[in-house]
Full PDB file with SEQRES, HELIX, SHEET, SSBOND, CRYST1, ORIGX, SCALE, CONECT and MASTER records, all heavy atoms in Angstrom:
SEQRES   1 A   36  VAL SER LEU GLN MET ASN ASN LEU ARG PRO GLU ASP THR          
SEQRES   2 A   36  ALA VAL TYR TYR CYS ALA ALA LYS TYR GLY ARG GLN ASN          
SEQRES   3 A   36  LEU LEU THR ALA ALA SER GLY LEU ASN GLU                      
HELIX    1 AA1 PRO A   10  ASP A   12  5                                   3    
CRYST1    1.000    1.000    1.000  90.00  90.00  90.00 P 1           1          
ORIGX1      1.000000  0.000000  0.000000        0.00000                         
ORIGX2      0.000000  1.000000  0.000000        0.00000                         
ORIGX3      0.000000  0.000000  1.000000        0.00000                         
SCALE1      1.000000  0.000000  0.000000        0.00000                         
SCALE2      0.000000  1.000000  0.000000        0.00000                         
SCALE3      0.000000  0.000000  1.000000        0.00000                         
ATOM      1  N   VAL A   1     198.580  99.239  82.540  1.00  0.00           N  
ATOM      2  CA  VAL A   1     197.354 100.075  82.557  1.00  0.00           C  
ATOM      3  C   VAL A   1     196.845 100.156  84.011  1.00  0.00           C  
ATOM      4  O   VAL A   1     196.986  99.125  84.808  1.00  0.00           O  
ATOM      5  CB  VAL A   1     196.240  99.537  81.658  1.00  0.00           C  
ATOM      6  CG1 VAL A   1     195.837  98.106  82.019  1.00  0.00           C  
ATOM      7  CG2 VAL A   1     195.084 100.437  81.554  1.00  0.00           C  
ATOM      8  N   SER A   2     196.360 101.230  84.418  1.00  0.00           N  
ATOM      9  CA  SER A   2     195.920 101.447  85.757  1.00  0.00           C  
ATOM     10  C   SER A   2     194.513 101.942  85.868  1.00  0.00           C  
ATOM     11  O   SER A   2     193.949 102.539  84.863  1.00  0.00           O  
ATOM     12  CB  SER A   2     196.779 102.468  86.486  1.00  0.00           C  
ATOM     13  OG  SER A   2     198.191 101.924  86.523  1.00  0.00           O  
ATOM     14  N   LEU A   3     193.888 101.776  86.983  1.00  0.00           N  
ATOM     15  CA  LEU A   3     192.498 102.233  87.218  1.00  0.00           C  
ATOM     16  C   LEU A   3     192.564 102.922  88.669  1.00  0.00           C  
ATOM     17  O   LEU A   3     192.691 102.169  89.678  1.00  0.00           O  
ATOM     18  CB  LEU A   3     191.510 101.179  87.202  1.00  0.00           C  
ATOM     19  CG  LEU A   3     189.967 101.661  87.351  1.00  0.00           C  
ATOM     20  CD1 LEU A   3     189.637 102.422  86.096  1.00  0.00           C  
ATOM     21  CD2 LEU A   3     189.081 100.439  87.527  1.00  0.00           C  
ATOM     22  N   GLN A   4     192.423 104.242  88.670  1.00  0.00           N  
ATOM     23  CA  GLN A   4     192.400 104.865  89.924  1.00  0.00           C  
ATOM     24  C   GLN A   4     190.954 105.023  90.327  1.00  0.00           C  
ATOM     25  O   GLN A   4     190.200 105.584  89.592  1.00  0.00           O  
ATOM     26  CB  GLN A   4     193.001 106.304  89.777  1.00  0.00           C  
ATOM     27  CG  GLN A   4     192.935 107.188  91.076  1.00  0.00           C  
ATOM     28  CD  GLN A   4     193.756 106.651  92.195  1.00  0.00           C  
ATOM     29  OE1 GLN A   4     194.873 106.122  92.038  1.00  0.00           O  
ATOM     30  NE2 GLN A   4     193.150 106.716  93.421  1.00  0.00           N  
ATOM     31  N   MET A   5     190.556 104.532  91.549  1.00  0.00           N  
ATOM     32  CA  MET A   5     189.249 104.470  92.006  1.00  0.00           C  
ATOM     33  C   MET A   5     189.069 105.276  93.234  1.00  0.00           C  
ATOM     34  O   MET A   5     189.684 104.996  94.270  1.00  0.00           O  
ATOM     35  CB  MET A   5     188.797 103.085  92.184  1.00  0.00           C  
ATOM     36  CG  MET A   5     188.982 102.114  90.986  1.00  0.00           C  
ATOM     37  SD  MET A   5     188.440 100.444  91.247  1.00  0.00           S  
ATOM     38  CE  MET A   5     189.470  99.838  92.557  1.00  0.00           C  
ATOM     39  N   ASN A   6     188.349 106.386  93.105  1.00  0.00           N  
ATOM     40  CA  ASN A   6     188.078 107.280  94.238  1.00  0.00           C  
ATOM     41  C   ASN A   6     186.688 107.210  94.650  1.00  0.00           C  
ATOM     42  O   ASN A   6     185.809 106.801  93.902  1.00  0.00           O  
ATOM     43  CB  ASN A   6     188.478 108.744  93.835  1.00  0.00           C  
ATOM     44  CG  ASN A   6     189.923 108.885  93.502  1.00  0.00           C  
ATOM     45  OD1 ASN A   6     190.790 108.145  93.995  1.00  0.00           O  
ATOM     46  ND2 ASN A   6     190.199 109.867  92.575  1.00  0.00           N  
ATOM     47  N   ASN A   7     186.458 107.585  95.886  1.00  0.00           N  
ATOM     48  CA  ASN A   7     185.046 107.658  96.479  1.00  0.00           C  
ATOM     49  C   ASN A   7     184.361 106.414  96.212  1.00  0.00           C  
ATOM     50  O   ASN A   7     183.205 106.276  95.727  1.00  0.00           O  
ATOM     51  CB  ASN A   7     184.274 108.794  95.826  1.00  0.00           C  
ATOM     52  CG  ASN A   7     182.958 109.094  96.481  1.00  0.00           C  
ATOM     53  OD1 ASN A   7     182.735 108.700  97.671  1.00  0.00           O  
ATOM     54  ND2 ASN A   7     182.026 109.766  95.808  1.00  0.00           N  
ATOM     55  N   LEU A   8     185.011 105.301  96.588  1.00  0.00           N  
ATOM     56  CA  LEU A   8     184.423 103.962  96.391  1.00  0.00           C  
ATOM     57  C   LEU A   8     183.143 103.756  97.208  1.00  0.00           C  
ATOM     58  O   LEU A   8     183.073 104.271  98.315  1.00  0.00           O  
ATOM     59  CB  LEU A   8     185.479 102.865  96.745  1.00  0.00           C  
ATOM     60  CG  LEU A   8     186.507 102.632  95.692  1.00  0.00           C  
ATOM     61  CD1 LEU A   8     187.792 102.035  96.294  1.00  0.00           C  
ATOM     62  CD2 LEU A   8     185.988 101.886  94.515  1.00  0.00           C  
ATOM     63  N   ARG A   9     182.286 102.977  96.637  1.00  0.00           N  
ATOM     64  CA  ARG A   9     180.991 102.691  97.207  1.00  0.00           C  
ATOM     65  C   ARG A   9     180.843 101.153  97.440  1.00  0.00           C  
ATOM     66  O   ARG A   9     181.453 100.393  96.671  1.00  0.00           O  
ATOM     67  CB  ARG A   9     179.915 103.207  96.323  1.00  0.00           C  
ATOM     68  CG  ARG A   9     179.923 104.662  96.015  1.00  0.00           C  
ATOM     69  CD  ARG A   9     179.037 105.039  94.857  1.00  0.00           C  
ATOM     70  NE  ARG A   9     179.134 106.435  94.476  1.00  0.00           N  
ATOM     71  CZ  ARG A   9     178.624 106.934  93.406  1.00  0.00           C  
ATOM     72  NH1 ARG A   9     177.948 106.175  92.507  1.00  0.00           N  
ATOM     73  NH2 ARG A   9     178.747 108.233  93.171  1.00  0.00           N  
ATOM     74  N   PRO A  10     179.942 100.682  98.301  1.00  0.00           N  
ATOM     75  CA  PRO A  10     179.748  99.258  98.452  1.00  0.00           C  
ATOM     76  C   PRO A  10     179.365  98.616  97.156  1.00  0.00           C  
ATOM     77  O   PRO A  10     179.725  97.460  96.852  1.00  0.00           O  
ATOM     78  CB  PRO A  10     178.621  99.157  99.521  1.00  0.00           C  
ATOM     79  CG  PRO A  10     178.840 100.445 100.310  1.00  0.00           C  
ATOM     80  CD  PRO A  10     179.284 101.468  99.383  1.00  0.00           C  
ATOM     81  N   GLU A  11     178.677  99.304  96.297  1.00  0.00           N  
ATOM     82  CA  GLU A  11     178.213  98.677  95.030  1.00  0.00           C  
ATOM     83  C   GLU A  11     179.351  98.487  94.013  1.00  0.00           C  
ATOM     84  O   GLU A  11     179.149  97.985  92.992  1.00  0.00           O  
ATOM     85  CB  GLU A  11     177.077  99.517  94.346  1.00  0.00           C  
ATOM     86  CG  GLU A  11     177.333 100.978  94.195  1.00  0.00           C  
ATOM     87  CD  GLU A  11     176.812 101.856  95.382  1.00  0.00           C  
ATOM     88  OE1 GLU A  11     176.826 101.341  96.506  1.00  0.00           O  
ATOM     89  OE2 GLU A  11     176.358 102.941  95.123  1.00  0.00           O  
ATOM     90  N   ASP A  12     180.527  99.032  94.369  1.00  0.00           N  
ATOM     91  CA  ASP A  12     181.669  98.824  93.529  1.00  0.00           C  
ATOM     92  C   ASP A  12     182.373  97.566  93.840  1.00  0.00           C  
ATOM     93  O   ASP A  12     183.312  97.115  93.196  1.00  0.00           O  
ATOM     94  CB  ASP A  12     182.687  99.969  93.685  1.00  0.00           C  
ATOM     95  CG  ASP A  12     182.142 101.336  93.233  1.00  0.00           C  
ATOM     96  OD1 ASP A  12     181.597 101.332  92.130  1.00  0.00           O  
ATOM     97  OD2 ASP A  12     182.438 102.376  93.885  1.00  0.00           O  
ATOM     98  N   THR A  13     181.907  96.841  94.888  1.00  0.00           N  
ATOM     99  CA  THR A  13     182.455  95.551  95.297  1.00  0.00           C  
ATOM    100  C   THR A  13     182.318  94.496  94.157  1.00  0.00           C  
ATOM    101  O   THR A  13     181.245  94.284  93.648  1.00  0.00           O  
ATOM    102  CB  THR A  13     181.843  94.982  96.529  1.00  0.00           C  
ATOM    103  OG1 THR A  13     182.078  95.873  97.628  1.00  0.00           O  
ATOM    104  CG2 THR A  13     182.252  93.648  96.877  1.00  0.00           C  
ATOM    105  N   ALA A  14     183.458  93.932  93.723  1.00  0.00           N  
ATOM    106  CA  ALA A  14     183.485  92.999  92.565  1.00  0.00           C  
ATOM    107  C   ALA A  14     184.845  92.546  92.345  1.00  0.00           C  
ATOM    108  O   ALA A  14     185.792  92.999  92.968  1.00  0.00           O  
ATOM    109  CB  ALA A  14     182.985  93.758  91.247  1.00  0.00           C  
ATOM    110  N   VAL A  15     184.954  91.500  91.498  1.00  0.00           N  
ATOM    111  CA  VAL A  15     186.295  91.139  90.987  1.00  0.00           C  
ATOM    112  C   VAL A  15     186.493  91.984  89.771  1.00  0.00           C  
ATOM    113  O   VAL A  15     185.685  92.039  88.835  1.00  0.00           O  
ATOM    114  CB  VAL A  15     186.333  89.628  90.597  1.00  0.00           C  
ATOM    115  CG1 VAL A  15     187.708  89.257  90.012  1.00  0.00           C  
ATOM    116  CG2 VAL A  15     186.082  88.712  91.832  1.00  0.00           C  
ATOM    117  N   TYR A  16     187.684  92.641  89.690  1.00  0.00           N  
ATOM    118  CA  TYR A  16     187.985  93.558  88.630  1.00  0.00           C  
ATOM    119  C   TYR A  16     188.980  92.805  87.645  1.00  0.00           C  
ATOM    120  O   TYR A  16     190.016  92.328  88.085  1.00  0.00           O  
ATOM    121  CB  TYR A  16     188.589  94.802  89.109  1.00  0.00           C  
ATOM    122  CG  TYR A  16     187.574  95.721  89.652  1.00  0.00           C  
ATOM    123  CD1 TYR A  16     186.903  95.421  90.899  1.00  0.00           C  
ATOM    124  CD2 TYR A  16     187.230  96.896  88.988  1.00  0.00           C  
ATOM    125  CE1 TYR A  16     185.850  96.273  91.382  1.00  0.00           C  
ATOM    126  CE2 TYR A  16     186.172  97.799  89.518  1.00  0.00           C  
ATOM    127  CZ  TYR A  16     185.556  97.436  90.692  1.00  0.00           C  
ATOM    128  OH  TYR A  16     184.587  98.217  91.169  1.00  0.00           O  
ATOM    129  N   TYR A  17     188.671  92.890  86.352  1.00  0.00           N  
ATOM    130  CA  TYR A  17     189.488  92.186  85.332  1.00  0.00           C  
ATOM    131  C   TYR A  17     190.049  93.257  84.367  1.00  0.00           C  
ATOM    132  O   TYR A  17     189.367  94.092  83.886  1.00  0.00           O  
ATOM    133  CB  TYR A  17     188.554  91.266  84.586  1.00  0.00           C  
ATOM    134  CG  TYR A  17     187.967  90.113  85.357  1.00  0.00           C  
ATOM    135  CD1 TYR A  17     186.782  90.177  86.020  1.00  0.00           C  
ATOM    136  CD2 TYR A  17     188.776  88.908  85.507  1.00  0.00           C  
ATOM    137  CE1 TYR A  17     186.277  89.146  86.797  1.00  0.00           C  
ATOM    138  CE2 TYR A  17     188.229  87.858  86.231  1.00  0.00           C  
ATOM    139  CZ  TYR A  17     186.998  88.004  86.841  1.00  0.00           C  
ATOM    140  OH  TYR A  17     186.428  86.991  87.581  1.00  0.00           O  
ATOM    141  N   CYS A  18     191.378  92.975  84.200  1.00  0.00           N  
ATOM    142  CA  CYS A  18     192.010  93.717  83.073  1.00  0.00           C  
ATOM    143  C   CYS A  18     191.725  93.116  81.754  1.00  0.00           C  
ATOM    144  O   CYS A  18     191.668  91.807  81.698  1.00  0.00           O  
ATOM    145  CB  CYS A  18     193.539  93.696  83.382  1.00  0.00           C  
ATOM    146  SG  CYS A  18     194.552  94.533  82.148  1.00  0.00           S  
ATOM    147  N   ALA A  19     191.542  93.869  80.659  1.00  0.00           N  
ATOM    148  CA  ALA A  19     191.118  93.381  79.390  1.00  0.00           C  
ATOM    149  C   ALA A  19     191.890  94.020  78.312  1.00  0.00           C  
ATOM    150  O   ALA A  19     192.225  95.187  78.383  1.00  0.00           O  
ATOM    151  CB  ALA A  19     189.695  93.575  79.140  1.00  0.00           C  
ATOM    152  N   ALA A  20     192.330  93.288  77.256  1.00  0.00           N  
ATOM    153  CA  ALA A  20     193.098  93.768  76.094  1.00  0.00           C  
ATOM    154  C   ALA A  20     192.282  93.441  74.857  1.00  0.00           C  
ATOM    155  O   ALA A  20     191.893  92.261  74.681  1.00  0.00           O  
ATOM    156  CB  ALA A  20     194.436  93.175  76.045  1.00  0.00           C  
ATOM    157  N   LYS A  21     192.154  94.461  74.016  1.00  0.00           N  
ATOM    158  CA  LYS A  21     191.402  94.248  72.720  1.00  0.00           C  
ATOM    159  C   LYS A  21     192.356  94.653  71.640  1.00  0.00           C  
ATOM    160  O   LYS A  21     192.881  95.777  71.619  1.00  0.00           O  
ATOM    161  CB  LYS A  21     190.191  95.132  72.636  1.00  0.00           C  
ATOM    162  CG  LYS A  21     189.379  95.026  71.365  1.00  0.00           C  
ATOM    163  CD  LYS A  21     188.142  95.890  71.317  1.00  0.00           C  
ATOM    164  CE  LYS A  21     187.366  95.749  70.069  1.00  0.00           C  
ATOM    165  NZ  LYS A  21     186.107  96.503  70.065  1.00  0.00           N  
ATOM    166  N   TYR A  22     192.646  93.704  70.701  1.00  0.00           N  
ATOM    167  CA  TYR A  22     193.596  94.039  69.624  1.00  0.00           C  
ATOM    168  C   TYR A  22     193.054  95.129  68.712  1.00  0.00           C  
ATOM    169  O   TYR A  22     191.904  95.107  68.308  1.00  0.00           O  
ATOM    170  CB  TYR A  22     193.762  92.783  68.804  1.00  0.00           C  
ATOM    171  CG  TYR A  22     194.807  92.896  67.734  1.00  0.00           C  
ATOM    172  CD1 TYR A  22     196.176  92.917  68.084  1.00  0.00           C  
ATOM    173  CD2 TYR A  22     194.471  93.232  66.372  1.00  0.00           C  
ATOM    174  CE1 TYR A  22     197.102  93.124  67.124  1.00  0.00           C  
ATOM    175  CE2 TYR A  22     195.422  93.385  65.439  1.00  0.00           C  
ATOM    176  CZ  TYR A  22     196.739  93.324  65.791  1.00  0.00           C  
ATOM    177  OH  TYR A  22     197.784  93.599  64.826  1.00  0.00           O  
ATOM    178  N   GLY A  23     193.972  96.094  68.424  1.00  0.00           N  
ATOM    179  CA  GLY A  23     193.580  97.203  67.550  1.00  0.00           C  
ATOM    180  C   GLY A  23     193.761  98.527  68.247  1.00  0.00           C  
ATOM    181  O   GLY A  23     193.105  98.694  69.264  1.00  0.00           O  
ATOM    182  N   ARG A  24     194.538  99.364  67.831  1.00  0.00           N  
ATOM    183  CA  ARG A  24     194.930 100.535  68.580  1.00  0.00           C  
ATOM    184  C   ARG A  24     193.728 101.494  68.759  1.00  0.00           C  
ATOM    185  O   ARG A  24     193.594 102.142  69.887  1.00  0.00           O  
ATOM    186  CB  ARG A  24     196.021 101.353  67.754  1.00  0.00           C  
ATOM    187  CG  ARG A  24     197.341 100.661  67.810  1.00  0.00           C  
ATOM    188  CD  ARG A  24     198.376 101.473  67.071  1.00  0.00           C  
ATOM    189  NE  ARG A  24     199.728 101.097  67.463  1.00  0.00           N  
ATOM    190  CZ  ARG A  24     200.861 101.670  66.970  1.00  0.00           C  
ATOM    191  NH1 ARG A  24     200.777 102.547  66.097  1.00  0.00           N  
ATOM    192  NH2 ARG A  24     201.997 101.199  67.383  1.00  0.00           N  
ATOM    193  N   GLN A  25     192.811 101.539  67.852  1.00  0.00           N  
ATOM    194  CA  GLN A  25     191.719 102.441  68.024  1.00  0.00           C  
ATOM    195  C   GLN A  25     190.364 101.649  68.276  1.00  0.00           C  
ATOM    196  O   GLN A  25     189.329 102.274  68.346  1.00  0.00           O  
ATOM    197  CB  GLN A  25     191.476 103.293  66.718  1.00  0.00           C  
ATOM    198  CG  GLN A  25     192.650 104.115  66.357  1.00  0.00           C  
ATOM    199  CD  GLN A  25     192.934 105.194  67.501  1.00  0.00           C  
ATOM    200  OE1 GLN A  25     192.086 105.464  68.319  1.00  0.00           O  
ATOM    201  NE2 GLN A  25     194.195 105.719  67.440  1.00  0.00           N  
ATOM    202  N   ASN A  26     190.525 100.406  68.536  1.00  0.00           N  
ATOM    203  CA  ASN A  26     189.321  99.605  68.885  1.00  0.00           C  
ATOM    204  C   ASN A  26     188.959  99.739  70.351  1.00  0.00           C  
ATOM    205  O   ASN A  26     189.182  98.847  71.100  1.00  0.00           O  
ATOM    206  CB  ASN A  26     189.534  98.081  68.503  1.00  0.00           C  
ATOM    207  CG  ASN A  26     189.581  97.904  67.049  1.00  0.00           C  
ATOM    208  OD1 ASN A  26     189.148  98.673  66.199  1.00  0.00           O  
ATOM    209  ND2 ASN A  26     190.231  96.790  66.628  1.00  0.00           N  
ATOM    210  N   LEU A  27     188.453 100.954  70.727  1.00  0.00           N  
ATOM    211  CA  LEU A  27     188.192 101.233  72.062  1.00  0.00           C  
ATOM    212  C   LEU A  27     187.203 100.263  72.718  1.00  0.00           C  
ATOM    213  O   LEU A  27     186.181 100.045  72.058  1.00  0.00           O  
ATOM    214  CB  LEU A  27     187.720 102.677  72.154  1.00  0.00           C  
ATOM    215  CG  LEU A  27     187.642 103.279  73.574  1.00  0.00           C  
ATOM    216  CD1 LEU A  27     188.913 103.418  74.234  1.00  0.00           C  
ATOM    217  CD2 LEU A  27     186.854 104.637  73.520  1.00  0.00           C  
ATOM    218  N   LEU A  28     187.469  99.848  73.844  1.00  0.00           N  
ATOM    219  CA  LEU A  28     186.452  99.136  74.638  1.00  0.00           C  
ATOM    220  C   LEU A  28     185.542 100.128  75.282  1.00  0.00           C  
ATOM    221  O   LEU A  28     186.000 101.069  75.895  1.00  0.00           O  
ATOM    222  CB  LEU A  28     187.175  98.233  75.712  1.00  0.00           C  
ATOM    223  CG  LEU A  28     187.881  97.000  75.224  1.00  0.00           C  
ATOM    224  CD1 LEU A  28     188.854  96.450  76.296  1.00  0.00           C  
ATOM    225  CD2 LEU A  28     186.915  95.944  74.760  1.00  0.00           C  
ATOM    226  N   THR A  29     184.285  99.895  75.045  1.00  0.00           N  
ATOM    227  CA  THR A  29     183.295 100.914  75.578  1.00  0.00           C  
ATOM    228  C   THR A  29     182.161 100.161  76.322  1.00  0.00           C  
ATOM    229  O   THR A  29     182.155  98.892  76.350  1.00  0.00           O  
ATOM    230  CB  THR A  29     182.627 101.728  74.462  1.00  0.00           C  
ATOM    231  OG1 THR A  29     181.772 100.857  73.662  1.00  0.00           O  
ATOM    232  CG2 THR A  29     183.720 102.315  73.549  1.00  0.00           C  
ATOM    233  N   ALA A  30     181.226 100.938  76.743  1.00  0.00           N  
ATOM    234  CA  ALA A  30     180.105 100.310  77.454  1.00  0.00           C  
ATOM    235  C   ALA A  30     179.248  99.445  76.609  1.00  0.00           C  
ATOM    236  O   ALA A  30     178.564  98.566  77.012  1.00  0.00           O  
ATOM    237  CB  ALA A  30     179.170 101.399  78.049  1.00  0.00           C  
ATOM    238  N   ALA A  31     179.385  99.713  75.298  1.00  0.00           N  
ATOM    239  CA  ALA A  31     178.683  98.799  74.313  1.00  0.00           C  
ATOM    240  C   ALA A  31     179.462  97.620  73.887  1.00  0.00           C  
ATOM    241  O   ALA A  31     178.919  96.812  73.077  1.00  0.00           O  
ATOM    242  CB  ALA A  31     178.331  99.671  73.032  1.00  0.00           C  
ATOM    243  N   SER A  32     180.653  97.439  74.323  1.00  0.00           N  
ATOM    244  CA  SER A  32     181.507  96.311  73.939  1.00  0.00           C  
ATOM    245  C   SER A  32     180.999  94.989  74.550  1.00  0.00           C  
ATOM    246  O   SER A  32     180.625  94.968  75.766  1.00  0.00           O  
ATOM    247  CB  SER A  32     182.925  96.535  74.359  1.00  0.00           C  
ATOM    248  OG  SER A  32     183.441  97.657  73.722  1.00  0.00           O  
ATOM    249  N   GLY A  33     180.891  93.970  73.776  1.00  0.00           N  
ATOM    250  CA  GLY A  33     180.613  92.678  74.234  1.00  0.00           C  
ATOM    251  C   GLY A  33     181.844  91.984  74.788  1.00  0.00           C  
ATOM    252  O   GLY A  33     182.921  92.332  74.456  1.00  0.00           O  
ATOM    253  N   LEU A  34     181.601  91.065  75.661  1.00  0.00           N  
ATOM    254  CA  LEU A  34     182.743  90.363  76.258  1.00  0.00           C  
ATOM    255  C   LEU A  34     183.580  89.644  75.232  1.00  0.00           C  
ATOM    256  O   LEU A  34     184.760  89.463  75.428  1.00  0.00           O  
ATOM    257  CB  LEU A  34     182.261  89.408  77.348  1.00  0.00           C  
ATOM    258  CG  LEU A  34     181.463  89.897  78.527  1.00  0.00           C  
ATOM    259  CD1 LEU A  34     181.161  88.899  79.544  1.00  0.00           C  
ATOM    260  CD2 LEU A  34     182.236  91.048  79.223  1.00  0.00           C  
ATOM    261  N   ASN A  35     182.936  89.193  74.120  1.00  0.00           N  
ATOM    262  CA  ASN A  35     183.659  88.506  73.081  1.00  0.00           C  
ATOM    263  C   ASN A  35     184.571  89.462  72.273  1.00  0.00           C  
ATOM    264  O   ASN A  35     185.374  88.947  71.440  1.00  0.00           O  
ATOM    265  CB  ASN A  35     182.679  87.766  72.140  1.00  0.00           C  
ATOM    266  CG  ASN A  35     181.770  88.676  71.524  1.00  0.00           C  
ATOM    267  OD1 ASN A  35     181.663  89.885  71.708  1.00  0.00           O  
ATOM    268  ND2 ASN A  35     180.889  88.138  70.622  1.00  0.00           N  
ATOM    269  N   GLU A  36     184.503  90.722  72.549  1.00  0.00           N  
ATOM    270  CA  GLU A  36     185.426  91.673  71.836  1.00  0.00           C  
ATOM    271  C   GLU A  36     186.891  91.683  72.456  1.00  0.00           C  
ATOM    272  O   GLU A  36     187.726  92.181  71.913  1.00  0.00           O  
ATOM    273  CB  GLU A  36     184.881  93.017  71.791  1.00  0.00           C  
ATOM    274  CG  GLU A  36     183.540  93.150  70.940  1.00  0.00           C  
ATOM    275  CD  GLU A  36     183.034  94.506  70.860  1.00  0.00           C  
ATOM    276  OE1 GLU A  36     183.829  95.495  70.793  1.00  0.00           O  
ATOM    277  OE2 GLU A  36     181.788  94.776  70.920  1.00  0.00           O  
TER     278      GLU A  36                                                      
MASTER        0    0    0    1    0    0    0    6  277    1    0    3          
END                                                                             
């Protein structure tokens, strides 16, 4: 899985983590908790 990041800003500075959630349609969204 890839993340193309354009027009980066200083506020994008962070450690970026790849995440996997079991379930084909169990989309990770802004409402997802870290425990998902």
